[in-house]
């Protein structure tokens, strides 16, 4: 199966961090709708009562359109949040799956590893940006 990857145009704002906007057929082009939010990483202690640590983190993830209740991984775009965990993606109105990049690249052979990425489906409406928080969770011994 041939895959087409779409480039990301990243714009750096001194006071706001880096926002990555996909340049693909799913891009809204008008800048009026999409997804924005934060990514963070947490590590849960394997010791009962042990500390949970974490905070904002740069994370690369996939966004794929959902049609007939199924993500179209072959049309996924890849987004990376900045060092403060912030991102913004312009998208056309519709439903979108957000999840691990590895799953979008090979959904048949995908097997979660020791680090879990929170998957979600969101609906983007015309003229709005939906806010999401994405979490990468790891476990320590």
Foldseek 3Di string as FASTA:
>chain_A
DDADAWDWDWDQDPVPGIAIETDDPFAPVVPQKEAKEFEKEWEAEPDVVDDIDIAGAWDKKWKFAADPNRGPLSRIYIDIAGGNGIYIYGGDWHKIKIAHNVCSVPVVPDDDDQKGKDIDMDTMDGRYYHYDYIYIYHYDD
